[in-house]
């Protein structure tokens, strides 16, 4: 059987025209299109590969796609993919860990600086003063934090955390991190102080920035106990996953003055619901999980994820294979399809 047009790749949304040339010689694209409201997995049963964005890929979804060889996440996190279920079915799971590093790190820095300089509060105060025909005397009411000389505490020192460390140091901040999975050489390379415990990092940092994957060990790692351990008047930033944080505990820490403010690119429900009380706070900046969504970042996410789908469809082992133990099974299934 010829490889051309043999395969089908399922997308959650329409494919930009400039990317079609990447796969058109080997596969056809499928998108649920206007059927998404009735069935978000419309025509998934035809798929040999999936470009996975924000939807859930569990056993039920995979059972709809008997020909599926690979699920490729357009990002780092793969908590929405049941990796064990994929492995049982001989499906490769891959991610694109390098693609969103730069824009996500820059988003963390932008959130930190916006909160530190009370940008949202001053903007809102200015708008209210204009609405009331008054002149805002910001000099008397404005409270901002200078970051130079402050400690930036990173919970996680992977790709994104490492880049945030470099930018923080360039701002004149002292940088420390807690990540027991990172080597001493990596800390030294980044000129980052190694905290002995998460509690020690939280208690000594003026800004805490979260850079962790979501799993059973990290779910709600930032809870009431952890916020109480933070330095009073500190800033909290999260660009990882919303479920890492107990949002009620975060709101309580803000109410009590334990925290100066927070910058969030992620929330438990995304985008955040209108009644989320964190949205209405002048000292909290919330974005709808767009940290990696620069123009170049989106292109890298698509291209890195797509390249690995195509590698699997050509029988080649992809570089970012999460469940590497199933590769022989995936390869055998691919060979059977070609016979």
C-alpha atoms as a PDB file:
ATOM      1  CA  UNK A   1       0.000   0.000   0.000  1.00  0.00           C
ATOM      2  CA  UNK A   2       1.326   3.432  -0.882  1.00  0.00           C
ATOM      3  CA  UNK A   3       2.067   5.862   1.937  1.00  0.00           C
ATOM      4  CA  UNK A   4       0.633   8.880   0.151  1.00  0.00           C
ATOM      5  CA  UNK A   5      -2.753   9.912   1.589  1.00  0.00           C
ATOM      6  CA  UNK A   6      -2.852   6.656   3.564  1.00  0.00           C
ATOM      7  CA  UNK A   7      -3.113   8.312   6.951  1.00  0.00           C
ATOM      8  CA  UNK A   8      -5.477  10.775   8.601  1.00  0.00           C
ATOM      9  CA  UNK A   9      -4.510  13.311  11.261  1.00  0.00           C
ATOM     10  CA  UNK A  10      -7.236  14.615  13.559  1.00  0.00           C
ATOM     11  CA  UNK A  11      -7.086  18.238  14.696  1.00  0.00           C
ATOM     12  CA  UNK A  12      -9.098  20.001  17.386  1.00  0.00           C
ATOM     13  CA  UNK A  13      -9.343  23.142  15.280  1.00  0.00           C
ATOM     14  CA  UNK A  14      -8.821  24.200  11.681  1.00  0.00           C
ATOM     15  CA  UNK A  15      -5.261  23.941  10.431  1.00  0.00           C
ATOM     16  CA  UNK A  16      -3.640  27.198   9.282  1.00  0.00           C
ATOM     17  CA  UNK A  17      -3.054  27.013   5.553  1.00  0.00           C
ATOM     18  CA  UNK A  18       0.661  27.631   5.924  1.00  0.00           C
ATOM     19  CA  UNK A  19       1.004  24.379   7.891  1.00  0.00           C
ATOM     20  CA  UNK A  20      -0.857  22.066   5.508  1.00  0.00           C
ATOM     21  CA  UNK A  21       2.253  21.512   3.410  1.00  0.00           C
ATOM     22  CA  UNK A  22       3.912  19.778   6.375  1.00  0.00           C
ATOM     23  CA  UNK A  23       1.687  16.702   6.095  1.00  0.00           C
ATOM     24  CA  UNK A  24      -0.241  16.762   2.811  1.00  0.00           C
ATOM     25  CA  UNK A  25       2.124  14.289   1.126  1.00  0.00           C
ATOM     26  CA  UNK A  26       1.407  11.579   3.699  1.00  0.00           C
ATOM     27  CA  UNK A  27      -1.918  12.354   5.372  1.00  0.00           C
ATOM     28  CA  UNK A  28      -5.247  14.119   5.148  1.00  0.00           C
ATOM     29  CA  UNK A  29      -6.406  16.443   7.906  1.00  0.00           C
ATOM     30  CA  UNK A  30      -9.640  15.981   9.839  1.00  0.00           C
ATOM     31  CA  UNK A  31     -11.297  18.622  12.028  1.00  0.00           C
ATOM     32  CA  UNK A  32     -14.648  18.361  13.843  1.00  0.00           C
ATOM     33  CA  UNK A  33     -15.527  21.810  12.516  1.00  0.00           C
ATOM     34  CA  UNK A  34     -19.131  22.886  13.098  1.00  0.00           C
ATOM     35  CA  UNK A  35     -19.941  19.491  14.634  1.00  0.00           C
ATOM     36  CA  UNK A  36     -17.928  20.285  17.758  1.00  0.00           C
ATOM     37  CA  UNK A  37     -20.943  21.369  19.836  1.00  0.00           C
ATOM     38  CA  UNK A  38     -22.674  18.041  19.281  1.00  0.00           C
ATOM     39  CA  UNK A  39     -19.606  15.818  19.286  1.00  0.00           C
ATOM     40  CA  UNK A  40     -16.182  17.288  20.120  1.00  0.00           C
ATOM     41  CA  UNK A  41     -14.545  14.093  18.801  1.00  0.00           C
ATOM     42  CA  UNK A  42     -16.411  13.954  15.498  1.00  0.00           C
ATOM     43  CA  UNK A  43     -14.627  11.595  13.052  1.00  0.00           C
ATOM     44  CA  UNK A  44     -11.952  10.673  15.582  1.00  0.00           C
ATOM     45  CA  UNK A  45     -12.595   7.073  14.544  1.00  0.00           C
ATOM     46  CA  UNK A  46     -10.759   7.789  11.264  1.00  0.00           C
ATOM     47  CA  UNK A  47      -7.587   9.059  12.905  1.00  0.00           C
ATOM     48  CA  UNK A  48      -4.111   7.559  12.785  1.00  0.00           C
ATOM     49  CA  UNK A  49      -2.659  10.574  14.568  1.00  0.00           C
ATOM     50  CA  UNK A  50      -4.077  13.262  16.876  1.00  0.00           C
ATOM     51  CA  UNK A  51      -2.863  16.799  17.412  1.00  0.00           C
ATOM     52  CA  UNK A  52      -4.023  17.259  20.999  1.00  0.00           C
ATOM     53  CA  UNK A  53      -4.736  20.727  22.342  1.00  0.00           C
ATOM     54  CA  UNK A  54      -6.923  21.137  25.413  1.00  0.00           C
ATOM     55  CA  UNK A  55      -9.370  18.244  25.142  1.00  0.00           C
ATOM     56  CA  UNK A  56      -9.430  15.087  27.248  1.00  0.00           C
ATOM     57  CA  UNK A  57      -8.047  11.914  25.704  1.00  0.00           C
ATOM     58  CA  UNK A  58      -9.186   9.072  27.953  1.00  0.00           C
ATOM     59  CA  UNK A  59     -10.023   5.421  27.352  1.00  0.00           C
ATOM     60  CA  UNK A  60     -13.397   6.282  25.844  1.00  0.00           C
ATOM     61  CA  UNK A  61     -11.879   8.678  23.336  1.00  0.00           C
ATOM     62  CA  UNK A  62      -9.134   6.248  22.367  1.00  0.00           C
ATOM     63  CA  UNK A  63     -11.585   3.390  21.941  1.00  0.00           C
ATOM     64  CA  UNK A  64     -13.282   5.465  19.248  1.00  0.00           C
ATOM     65  CA  UNK A  65     -10.074   5.433  17.206  1.00  0.00           C
ATOM     66  CA  UNK A  66      -8.969   1.845  16.541  1.00  0.00           C
ATOM     67  CA  UNK A  67      -6.302   2.943  14.030  1.00  0.00           C
ATOM     68  CA  UNK A  68      -4.718   5.542  16.306  1.00  0.00           C
ATOM     69  CA  UNK A  69      -0.916   5.378  16.494  1.00  0.00           C
ATOM     70  CA  UNK A  70       0.067   8.659  18.142  1.00  0.00           C
ATOM     71  CA  UNK A  71      -1.343  11.439  20.303  1.00  0.00           C
ATOM     72  CA  UNK A  72       0.836  14.536  20.071  1.00  0.00           C
ATOM     73  CA  UNK A  73       0.412  17.324  22.632  1.00  0.00           C
ATOM     74  CA  UNK A  74       0.899  20.830  21.311  1.00  0.00           C
ATOM     75  CA  UNK A  75       2.691  21.827  24.491  1.00  0.00           C
ATOM     76  CA  UNK A  76       4.531  20.469  27.507  1.00  0.00           C
ATOM     77  CA  UNK A  77       1.795  19.177  29.812  1.00  0.00           C
ATOM     78  CA  UNK A  78       0.064  15.907  29.010  1.00  0.00           C
ATOM     79  CA  UNK A  79      -2.178  15.597  32.075  1.00  0.00           C
ATOM     80  CA  UNK A  80      -5.256  15.547  29.803  1.00  0.00           C
ATOM     81  CA  UNK A  81      -3.987  12.365  28.125  1.00  0.00           C
ATOM     82  CA  UNK A  82      -4.417   9.015  29.893  1.00  0.00           C
ATOM     83  CA  UNK A  83      -0.920   7.724  29.177  1.00  0.00           C
ATOM     84  CA  UNK A  84      -1.582   4.339  30.775  1.00  0.00           C
ATOM     85  CA  UNK A  85      -4.659   3.837  28.581  1.00  0.00           C
ATOM     86  CA  UNK A  86      -2.645   4.817  25.516  1.00  0.00           C
ATOM     87  CA  UNK A  87       0.102   2.369  26.421  1.00  0.00           C
ATOM     88  CA  UNK A  88      -2.425  -0.446  26.839  1.00  0.00           C
ATOM     89  CA  UNK A  89      -3.639   0.229  23.301  1.00  0.00           C
ATOM     90  CA  UNK A  90      -0.196   0.583  21.706  1.00  0.00           C
ATOM     91  CA  UNK A  91      -0.537   4.339  21.150  1.00  0.00           C
ATOM     92  CA  UNK A  92       2.481   6.624  21.388  1.00  0.00           C
ATOM     93  CA  UNK A  93       2.105   9.811  23.455  1.00  0.00           C
ATOM     94  CA  UNK A  94       4.450  12.693  22.667  1.00  0.00           C
ATOM     95  CA  UNK A  95       4.758  16.328  23.668  1.00  0.00           C
ATOM     96  CA  UNK A  96       6.568  19.463  22.501  1.00  0.00           C
ATOM     97  CA  UNK A  97       8.523  20.554  25.579  1.00  0.00           C
ATOM     98  CA  UNK A  98      10.825  23.073  23.908  1.00  0.00           C
ATOM     99  CA  UNK A  99       8.265  24.991  21.867  1.00  0.00           C
ATOM    100  CA  UNK A 100       6.581  27.196  24.525  1.00  0.00           C
ATOM    101  CA  UNK A 101       9.648  27.923  26.667  1.00  0.00           C
ATOM    102  CA  UNK A 102      10.375  31.489  25.567  1.00  0.00           C
ATOM    103  CA  UNK A 103       6.841  32.970  25.506  1.00  0.00           C
ATOM    104  CA  UNK A 104       5.757  31.206  28.710  1.00  0.00           C
ATOM    105  CA  UNK A 105       8.834  32.405  30.586  1.00  0.00           C
ATOM    106  CA  UNK A 106       8.249  35.934  29.315  1.00  0.00           C
ATOM    107  CA  UNK A 107       4.625  35.700  30.446  1.00  0.00           C
ATOM    108  CA  UNK A 108       5.766  34.747  33.956  1.00  0.00           C
ATOM    109  CA  UNK A 109       8.064  37.778  34.035  1.00  0.00           C
ATOM    110  CA  UNK A 110       5.319  40.047  32.654  1.00  0.00           C
ATOM    111  CA  UNK A 111       2.864  38.877  35.331  1.00  0.00           C
ATOM    112  CA  UNK A 112       5.463  39.335  38.061  1.00  0.00           C
ATOM    113  CA  UNK A 113       6.250  42.880  36.952  1.00  0.00           C
ATOM    114  CA  UNK A 114       2.624  43.882  36.472  1.00  0.00           C
ATOM    115  CA  UNK A 115       1.726  42.719  39.977  1.00  0.00           C
ATOM    116  CA  UNK A 116       4.855  44.239  41.524  1.00  0.00           C
ATOM    117  CA  UNK A 117       4.111  47.638  40.018  1.00  0.00           C
ATOM    118  CA  UNK A 118       0.351  47.455  40.833  1.00  0.00           C
ATOM    119  CA  UNK A 119      -0.466  48.106  37.176  1.00  0.00           C
ATOM    120  CA  UNK A 120      -4.019  46.734  37.321  1.00  0.00           C
ATOM    121  CA  UNK A 121      -4.893  48.693  40.457  1.00  0.00           C
ATOM    122  CA  UNK A 122      -3.571  51.983  39.094  1.00  0.00           C
ATOM    123  CA  UNK A 123      -5.261  51.488  35.730  1.00  0.00           C
ATOM    124  CA  UNK A 124      -8.581  50.758  37.452  1.00  0.00           C
ATOM    125  CA  UNK A 125      -8.150  53.725  39.822  1.00  0.00           C
ATOM    126  CA  UNK A 126      -7.417  55.977  36.864  1.00  0.00           C
ATOM    127  CA  UNK A 127     -10.525  54.781  35.014  1.00  0.00           C
ATOM    128  CA  UNK A 128     -12.693  55.291  38.110  1.00  0.00           C
ATOM    129  CA  UNK A 129     -11.312  58.798  38.630  1.00  0.00           C
ATOM    130  CA  UNK A 130     -12.057  59.708  35.018  1.00  0.00           C
ATOM    131  CA  UNK A 131     -15.592  58.319  35.308  1.00  0.00           C
ATOM    132  CA  UNK A 132     -16.175  60.488  38.381  1.00  0.00           C
ATOM    133  CA  UNK A 133     -14.598  63.589  36.815  1.00  0.00           C
ATOM    134  CA  UNK A 134     -11.806  63.594  39.366  1.00  0.00           C
ATOM    135  CA  UNK A 135      -8.046  63.863  39.139  1.00  0.00           C
ATOM    136  CA  UNK A 136      -6.148  60.840  40.431  1.00  0.00           C
ATOM    137  CA  UNK A 137      -3.339  61.644  42.837  1.00  0.00           C
ATOM    138  CA  UNK A 138      -1.482  58.378  42.257  1.00  0.00           C
ATOM    139  CA  UNK A 139       1.657  59.602  44.019  1.00  0.00           C
ATOM    140  CA  UNK A 140      -0.097  59.389  47.375  1.00  0.00           C
ATOM    141  CA  UNK A 141      -1.833  56.025  46.911  1.00  0.00           C
ATOM    142  CA  UNK A 142       0.419  54.065  44.588  1.00  0.00           C
ATOM    143  CA  UNK A 143       2.376  51.195  46.133  1.00  0.00           C
ATOM    144  CA  UNK A 144       4.846  49.370  43.918  1.00  0.00           C
ATOM    145  CA  UNK A 145       7.617  46.884  44.601  1.00  0.00           C
ATOM    146  CA  UNK A 146      11.125  47.210  43.181  1.00  0.00           C
ATOM    147  CA  UNK A 147      12.283  43.750  42.121  1.00  0.00           C
ATOM    148  CA  UNK A 148      16.015  44.468  42.044  1.00  0.00           C
ATOM    149  CA  UNK A 149      17.620  42.907  45.103  1.00  0.00           C
ATOM    150  CA  UNK A 150      14.558  40.774  45.881  1.00  0.00           C
ATOM    151  CA  UNK A 151      14.609  36.980  45.901  1.00  0.00           C
ATOM    152  CA  UNK A 152      12.852  35.144  43.103  1.00  0.00           C
ATOM    153  CA  UNK A 153      11.915  31.651  44.234  1.00  0.00           C
ATOM    154  CA  UNK A 154      11.264  29.100  41.503  1.00  0.00           C
ATOM    155  CA  UNK A 155       9.291  25.966  42.283  1.00  0.00           C
ATOM    156  CA  UNK A 156      10.639  23.836  39.448  1.00  0.00           C
ATOM    157  CA  UNK A 157      13.785  24.485  37.429  1.00  0.00           C
ATOM    158  CA  UNK A 158      13.075  22.885  34.096  1.00  0.00           C
ATOM    159  CA  UNK A 159      13.129  24.583  30.705  1.00  0.00           C
ATOM    160  CA  UNK A 160      10.747  27.425  31.555  1.00  0.00           C
ATOM    161  CA  UNK A 161      11.909  27.835  35.137  1.00  0.00           C
ATOM    162  CA  UNK A 162      15.498  28.006  33.948  1.00  0.00           C
ATOM    163  CA  UNK A 163      14.722  30.782  31.491  1.00  0.00           C
ATOM    164  CA  UNK A 164      12.786  32.713  34.133  1.00  0.00           C
ATOM    165  CA  UNK A 165      15.858  32.365  36.359  1.00  0.00           C
ATOM    166  CA  UNK A 166      18.071  33.998  33.731  1.00  0.00           C
ATOM    167  CA  UNK A 167      15.689  36.920  33.210  1.00  0.00           C
ATOM    168  CA  UNK A 168      15.207  37.379  36.950  1.00  0.00           C
ATOM    169  CA  UNK A 169      18.962  37.534  37.442  1.00  0.00           C
ATOM    170  CA  UNK A 170      19.201  40.107  34.630  1.00  0.00           C
ATOM    171  CA  UNK A 171      16.715  42.249  36.593  1.00  0.00           C
ATOM    172  CA  UNK A 172      19.058  42.181  39.563  1.00  0.00           C
ATOM    173  CA  UNK A 173      17.098  39.617  41.539  1.00  0.00           C
ATOM    174  CA  UNK A 174      18.607  36.904  43.701  1.00  0.00           C
ATOM    175  CA  UNK A 175      17.343  33.598  42.321  1.00  0.00           C
ATOM    176  CA  UNK A 176      16.742  30.391  44.264  1.00  0.00           C
ATOM    177  CA  UNK A 177      14.853  27.247  43.370  1.00  0.00           C
ATOM    178  CA  UNK A 178      13.469  24.050  44.800  1.00  0.00           C
ATOM    179  CA  UNK A 179      13.577  21.090  42.432  1.00  0.00           C
ATOM    180  CA  UNK A 180      14.909  17.802  43.806  1.00  0.00           C
ATOM    181  CA  UNK A 181      15.018  16.319  40.303  1.00  0.00           C
ATOM    182  CA  UNK A 182      17.582  18.815  38.973  1.00  0.00           C
ATOM    183  CA  UNK A 183      21.305  18.197  39.217  1.00  0.00           C
ATOM    184  CA  UNK A 184      23.743  20.372  41.147  1.00  0.00           C
ATOM    185  CA  UNK A 185      25.445  21.105  37.816  1.00  0.00           C
ATOM    186  CA  UNK A 186      22.235  22.627  36.436  1.00  0.00           C
ATOM    187  CA  UNK A 187      21.895  24.895  39.481  1.00  0.00           C
ATOM    188  CA  UNK A 188      25.504  25.988  39.106  1.00  0.00           C
ATOM    189  CA  UNK A 189      25.131  26.564  35.352  1.00  0.00           C
ATOM    190  CA  UNK A 190      22.168  28.871  35.979  1.00  0.00           C
ATOM    191  CA  UNK A 191      23.762  30.550  39.021  1.00  0.00           C
ATOM    192  CA  UNK A 192      20.701  29.602  41.063  1.00  0.00           C
ATOM    193  CA  UNK A 193      20.827  28.890  44.802  1.00  0.00           C
ATOM    194  CA  UNK A 194      19.458  25.490  45.753  1.00  0.00           C
ATOM    195  CA  UNK A 195      16.776  25.519  48.459  1.00  0.00           C
ATOM    196  CA  UNK A 196      16.828  22.531  50.798  1.00  0.00           C
ATOM    197  CA  UNK A 197      13.035  22.340  50.963  1.00  0.00           C
ATOM    198  CA  UNK A 198       9.921  23.904  49.492  1.00  0.00           C
ATOM    199  CA  UNK A 199       9.140  25.401  52.889  1.00  0.00           C
ATOM    200  CA  UNK A 200      12.540  27.117  53.001  1.00  0.00           C
ATOM    201  CA  UNK A 201      12.120  28.497  49.476  1.00  0.00           C
ATOM    202  CA  UNK A 202       8.655  29.884  50.212  1.00  0.00           C
ATOM    203  CA  UNK A 203       9.722  31.499  53.461  1.00  0.00           C
ATOM    204  CA  UNK A 204      12.679  33.342  51.955  1.00  0.00           C
ATOM    205  CA  UNK A 205      11.315  34.480  48.575  1.00  0.00           C
ATOM    206  CA  UNK A 206       9.738  37.827  47.701  1.00  0.00           C
ATOM    207  CA  UNK A 207       8.328  36.362  44.495  1.00  0.00           C
ATOM    208  CA  UNK A 208       7.349  32.698  44.081  1.00  0.00           C
ATOM    209  CA  UNK A 209       6.891  31.414  40.529  1.00  0.00           C
ATOM    210  CA  UNK A 210       5.433  27.951  39.935  1.00  0.00           C
ATOM    211  CA  UNK A 211       6.877  25.746  37.161  1.00  0.00           C
ATOM    212  CA  UNK A 212       5.627  22.207  37.759  1.00  0.00           C
ATOM    213  CA  UNK A 213       3.757  19.509  35.831  1.00  0.00           C
ATOM    214  CA  UNK A 214       0.338  18.486  37.109  1.00  0.00           C
ATOM    215  CA  UNK A 215       0.130  15.014  38.622  1.00  0.00           C
ATOM    216  CA  UNK A 216      -1.184  13.374  41.784  1.00  0.00           C
ATOM    217  CA  UNK A 217       1.845  14.546  43.786  1.00  0.00           C
ATOM    218  CA  UNK A 218       1.612  18.176  42.697  1.00  0.00           C
ATOM    219  CA  UNK A 219      -2.175  18.701  42.654  1.00  0.00           C
ATOM    220  CA  UNK A 220      -2.986  21.666  44.936  1.00  0.00           C
ATOM    221  CA  UNK A 221       0.636  21.773  46.068  1.00  0.00           C
ATOM    222  CA  UNK A 222      -0.038  25.437  46.824  1.00  0.00           C
ATOM    223  CA  UNK A 223      -2.656  25.212  49.549  1.00  0.00           C
ATOM    224  CA  UNK A 224      -3.444  27.108  52.763  1.00  0.00           C
ATOM    225  CA  UNK A 225      -0.439  25.610  54.531  1.00  0.00           C
ATOM    226  CA  UNK A 226       1.944  26.559  51.740  1.00  0.00           C
ATOM    227  CA  UNK A 227       0.627  30.100  51.364  1.00  0.00           C
ATOM    228  CA  UNK A 228       1.051  30.563  55.119  1.00  0.00           C
ATOM    229  CA  UNK A 229       4.702  29.539  54.715  1.00  0.00           C
ATOM    230  CA  UNK A 230       5.322  32.295  52.163  1.00  0.00           C
ATOM    231  CA  UNK A 231       7.012  35.518  53.139  1.00  0.00           C
ATOM    232  CA  UNK A 232       4.386  38.087  54.134  1.00  0.00           C
ATOM    233  CA  UNK A 233       3.815  40.577  51.335  1.00  0.00           C
ATOM    234  CA  UNK A 234       5.213  38.263  48.651  1.00  0.00           C
ATOM    235  CA  UNK A 235       3.997  37.875  45.066  1.00  0.00           C
ATOM    236  CA  UNK A 236       2.728  34.557  43.681  1.00  0.00           C
ATOM    237  CA  UNK A 237       2.932  33.646  39.969  1.00  0.00           C
ATOM    238  CA  UNK A 238       1.594  30.540  38.216  1.00  0.00           C
ATOM    239  CA  UNK A 239       2.038  29.822  34.497  1.00  0.00           C
ATOM    240  CA  UNK A 240       1.899  26.011  34.820  1.00  0.00           C
ATOM    241  CA  UNK A 241      -1.484  24.440  35.626  1.00  0.00           C
ATOM    242  CA  UNK A 242      -4.436  25.864  37.530  1.00  0.00           C
ATOM    243  CA  UNK A 243      -5.038  22.696  39.542  1.00  0.00           C
ATOM    244  CA  UNK A 244      -1.654  23.107  41.221  1.00  0.00           C
ATOM    245  CA  UNK A 245      -3.326  25.806  43.344  1.00  0.00           C
ATOM    246  CA  UNK A 246      -6.156  25.818  45.863  1.00  0.00           C
ATOM    247  CA  UNK A 247      -7.844  29.006  44.640  1.00  0.00           C
ATOM    248  CA  UNK A 248      -9.870  29.457  47.838  1.00  0.00           C
ATOM    249  CA  UNK A 249      -6.642  29.340  49.849  1.00  0.00           C
ATOM    250  CA  UNK A 250      -5.047  31.819  47.450  1.00  0.00           C
ATOM    251  CA  UNK A 251      -7.999  34.212  47.852  1.00  0.00           C
ATOM    252  CA  UNK A 252      -7.757  33.896  51.647  1.00  0.00           C
ATOM    253  CA  UNK A 253      -4.025  34.660  51.550  1.00  0.00           C
ATOM    254  CA  UNK A 254      -4.733  37.780  49.498  1.00  0.00           C
ATOM    255  CA  UNK A 255      -7.589  38.838  51.807  1.00  0.00           C
ATOM    256  CA  UNK A 256      -5.385  38.549  54.892  1.00  0.00           C
ATOM    257  CA  UNK A 257      -2.529  40.515  53.366  1.00  0.00           C
ATOM    258  CA  UNK A 258      -0.266  37.481  53.489  1.00  0.00           C
ATOM    259  CA  UNK A 259       0.318  38.051  49.775  1.00  0.00           C
ATOM    260  CA  UNK A 260       0.851  41.376  48.012  1.00  0.00           C
ATOM    261  CA  UNK A 261      -0.706  40.041  44.828  1.00  0.00           C
ATOM    262  CA  UNK A 262      -0.781  37.248  42.272  1.00  0.00           C
ATOM    263  CA  UNK A 263      -0.274  36.778  38.555  1.00  0.00           C
ATOM    264  CA  UNK A 264      -2.009  33.791  36.967  1.00  0.00           C
ATOM    265  CA  UNK A 265      -1.956  32.528  33.405  1.00  0.00           C
ATOM    266  CA  UNK A 266      -3.863  29.426  34.497  1.00  0.00           C
ATOM    267  CA  UNK A 267      -6.920  28.738  36.646  1.00  0.00           C
ATOM    268  CA  UNK A 268      -8.788  25.622  37.742  1.00  0.00           C
ATOM    269  CA  UNK A 269     -11.519  26.358  35.177  1.00  0.00           C
ATOM    270  CA  UNK A 270     -10.246  27.866  31.922  1.00  0.00           C
ATOM    271  CA  UNK A 271     -11.079  30.452  30.957  1.00  0.00           C
ATOM    272  CA  UNK A 272     -12.035  31.569  34.479  1.00  0.00           C
ATOM    273  CA  UNK A 273     -15.754  31.831  35.119  1.00  0.00           C
ATOM    274  CA  UNK A 274     -17.222  35.342  35.510  1.00  0.00           C
ATOM    275  CA  UNK A 275     -17.979  34.684  39.186  1.00  0.00           C
ATOM    276  CA  UNK A 276     -14.390  33.752  40.023  1.00  0.00           C
ATOM    277  CA  UNK A 277     -13.616  36.224  42.849  1.00  0.00           C
ATOM    278  CA  UNK A 278      -9.967  36.447  41.842  1.00  0.00           C
ATOM    279  CA  UNK A 279     -11.022  38.230  38.636  1.00  0.00           C
ATOM    280  CA  UNK A 280     -12.387  41.197  40.544  1.00  0.00           C
ATOM    281  CA  UNK A 281      -9.270  41.886  42.591  1.00  0.00           C
ATOM    282  CA  UNK A 282      -7.056  44.840  41.749  1.00  0.00           C
ATOM    283  CA  UNK A 283      -3.976  42.952  42.945  1.00  0.00           C
ATOM    284  CA  UNK A 284      -4.516  39.848  40.811  1.00  0.00           C
ATOM    285  CA  UNK A 285      -3.735  39.702  37.086  1.00  0.00           C
ATOM    286  CA  UNK A 286      -5.354  36.760  35.287  1.00  0.00           C
ATOM    287  CA  UNK A 287      -4.768  35.617  31.711  1.00  0.00           C
ATOM    288  CA  UNK A 288      -6.747  32.840  29.930  1.00  0.00           C
ATOM    289  CA  UNK A 289      -3.820  30.383  29.575  1.00  0.00           C
ATOM    290  CA  UNK A 290      -2.094  32.159  26.706  1.00  0.00           C
ATOM    291  CA  UNK A 291       1.459  32.061  28.043  1.00  0.00           C
ATOM    292  CA  UNK A 292       2.802  30.150  25.048  1.00  0.00           C
ATOM    293  CA  UNK A 293       0.654  31.927  22.488  1.00  0.00           C
ATOM    294  CA  UNK A 294       3.061  34.320  20.853  1.00  0.00           C
ATOM    295  CA  UNK A 295       3.076  34.243  17.048  1.00  0.00           C
ATOM    296  CA  UNK A 296       6.364  32.367  16.962  1.00  0.00           C
ATOM    297  CA  UNK A 297       5.347  30.257  19.959  1.00  0.00           C
ATOM    298  CA  UNK A 298       2.177  29.016  18.260  1.00  0.00           C
ATOM    299  CA  UNK A 299       4.157  28.140  15.144  1.00  0.00           C
ATOM    300  CA  UNK A 300       6.751  26.230  17.153  1.00  0.00           C
ATOM    301  CA  UNK A 301       4.067  24.364  19.103  1.00  0.00           C
ATOM    302  CA  UNK A 302       2.363  23.219  15.923  1.00  0.00           C
ATOM    303  CA  UNK A 303       5.536  22.376  14.056  1.00  0.00           C
ATOM    304  CA  UNK A 304       7.206  20.477  16.910  1.00  0.00           C
ATOM    305  CA  UNK A 305       4.062  18.470  17.632  1.00  0.00           C
ATOM    306  CA  UNK A 306       3.338  17.804  13.960  1.00  0.00           C
ATOM    307  CA  UNK A 307       6.899  16.727  13.195  1.00  0.00           C
ATOM    308  CA  UNK A 308       6.545  13.921  15.723  1.00  0.00           C
ATOM    309  CA  UNK A 309       3.180  12.786  14.354  1.00  0.00           C
ATOM    310  CA  UNK A 310       4.811  12.506  10.945  1.00  0.00           C
ATOM    311  CA  UNK A 311       7.756  10.594  12.364  1.00  0.00           C
ATOM    312  CA  UNK A 312       5.420   7.981  13.829  1.00  0.00           C
ATOM    313  CA  UNK A 313       3.460   7.775  10.578  1.00  0.00           C
ATOM    314  CA  UNK A 314       6.765   7.085   8.808  1.00  0.00           C
ATOM    315  CA  UNK A 315       7.714   4.414  11.310  1.00  0.00           C
ATOM    316  CA  UNK A 316      10.344   6.557  13.033  1.00  0.00           C
ATOM    317  CA  UNK A 317      10.680   6.869  16.800  1.00  0.00           C
ATOM    318  CA  UNK A 318       9.909  10.468  17.882  1.00  0.00           C
ATOM    319  CA  UNK A 319      12.305  12.275  20.249  1.00  0.00           C
ATOM    320  CA  UNK A 320       9.804  13.243  22.968  1.00  0.00           C
ATOM    321  CA  UNK A 321       8.089   9.897  23.488  1.00  0.00           C
ATOM    322  CA  UNK A 322       6.425   9.878  26.922  1.00  0.00           C
ATOM    323  CA  UNK A 323       5.663   6.147  26.997  1.00  0.00           C
ATOM    324  CA  UNK A 324       8.812   4.838  25.370  1.00  0.00           C
ATOM    325  CA  UNK A 325       8.172   1.278  26.525  1.00  0.00           C
ATOM    326  CA  UNK A 326       5.405   0.854  23.920  1.00  0.00           C
ATOM    327  CA  UNK A 327       7.424   1.893  20.885  1.00  0.00           C
ATOM    328  CA  UNK A 328       7.961  -1.666  19.645  1.00  0.00           C
ATOM    329  CA  UNK A 329       4.195  -2.232  19.804  1.00  0.00           C
ATOM    330  CA  UNK A 330       3.496   1.036  17.987  1.00  0.00           C
ATOM    331  CA  UNK A 331       6.019   0.156  15.306  1.00  0.00           C
ATOM    332  CA  UNK A 332       4.484  -3.316  14.889  1.00  0.00           C
ATOM    333  CA  UNK A 333       0.997  -1.803  14.509  1.00  0.00           C
ATOM    334  CA  UNK A 334       2.375   0.655  11.926  1.00  0.00           C
ATOM    335  CA  UNK A 335       3.955  -2.174   9.948  1.00  0.00           C
ATOM    336  CA  UNK A 336       0.706  -4.154  10.023  1.00  0.00           C
ATOM    337  CA  UNK A 337      -1.181  -1.161   8.605  1.00  0.00           C
ATOM    338  CA  UNK A 338       1.204  -0.957   5.684  1.00  0.00           C
ATOM    339  CA  UNK A 339       0.824  -4.572   4.670  1.00  0.00           C
END
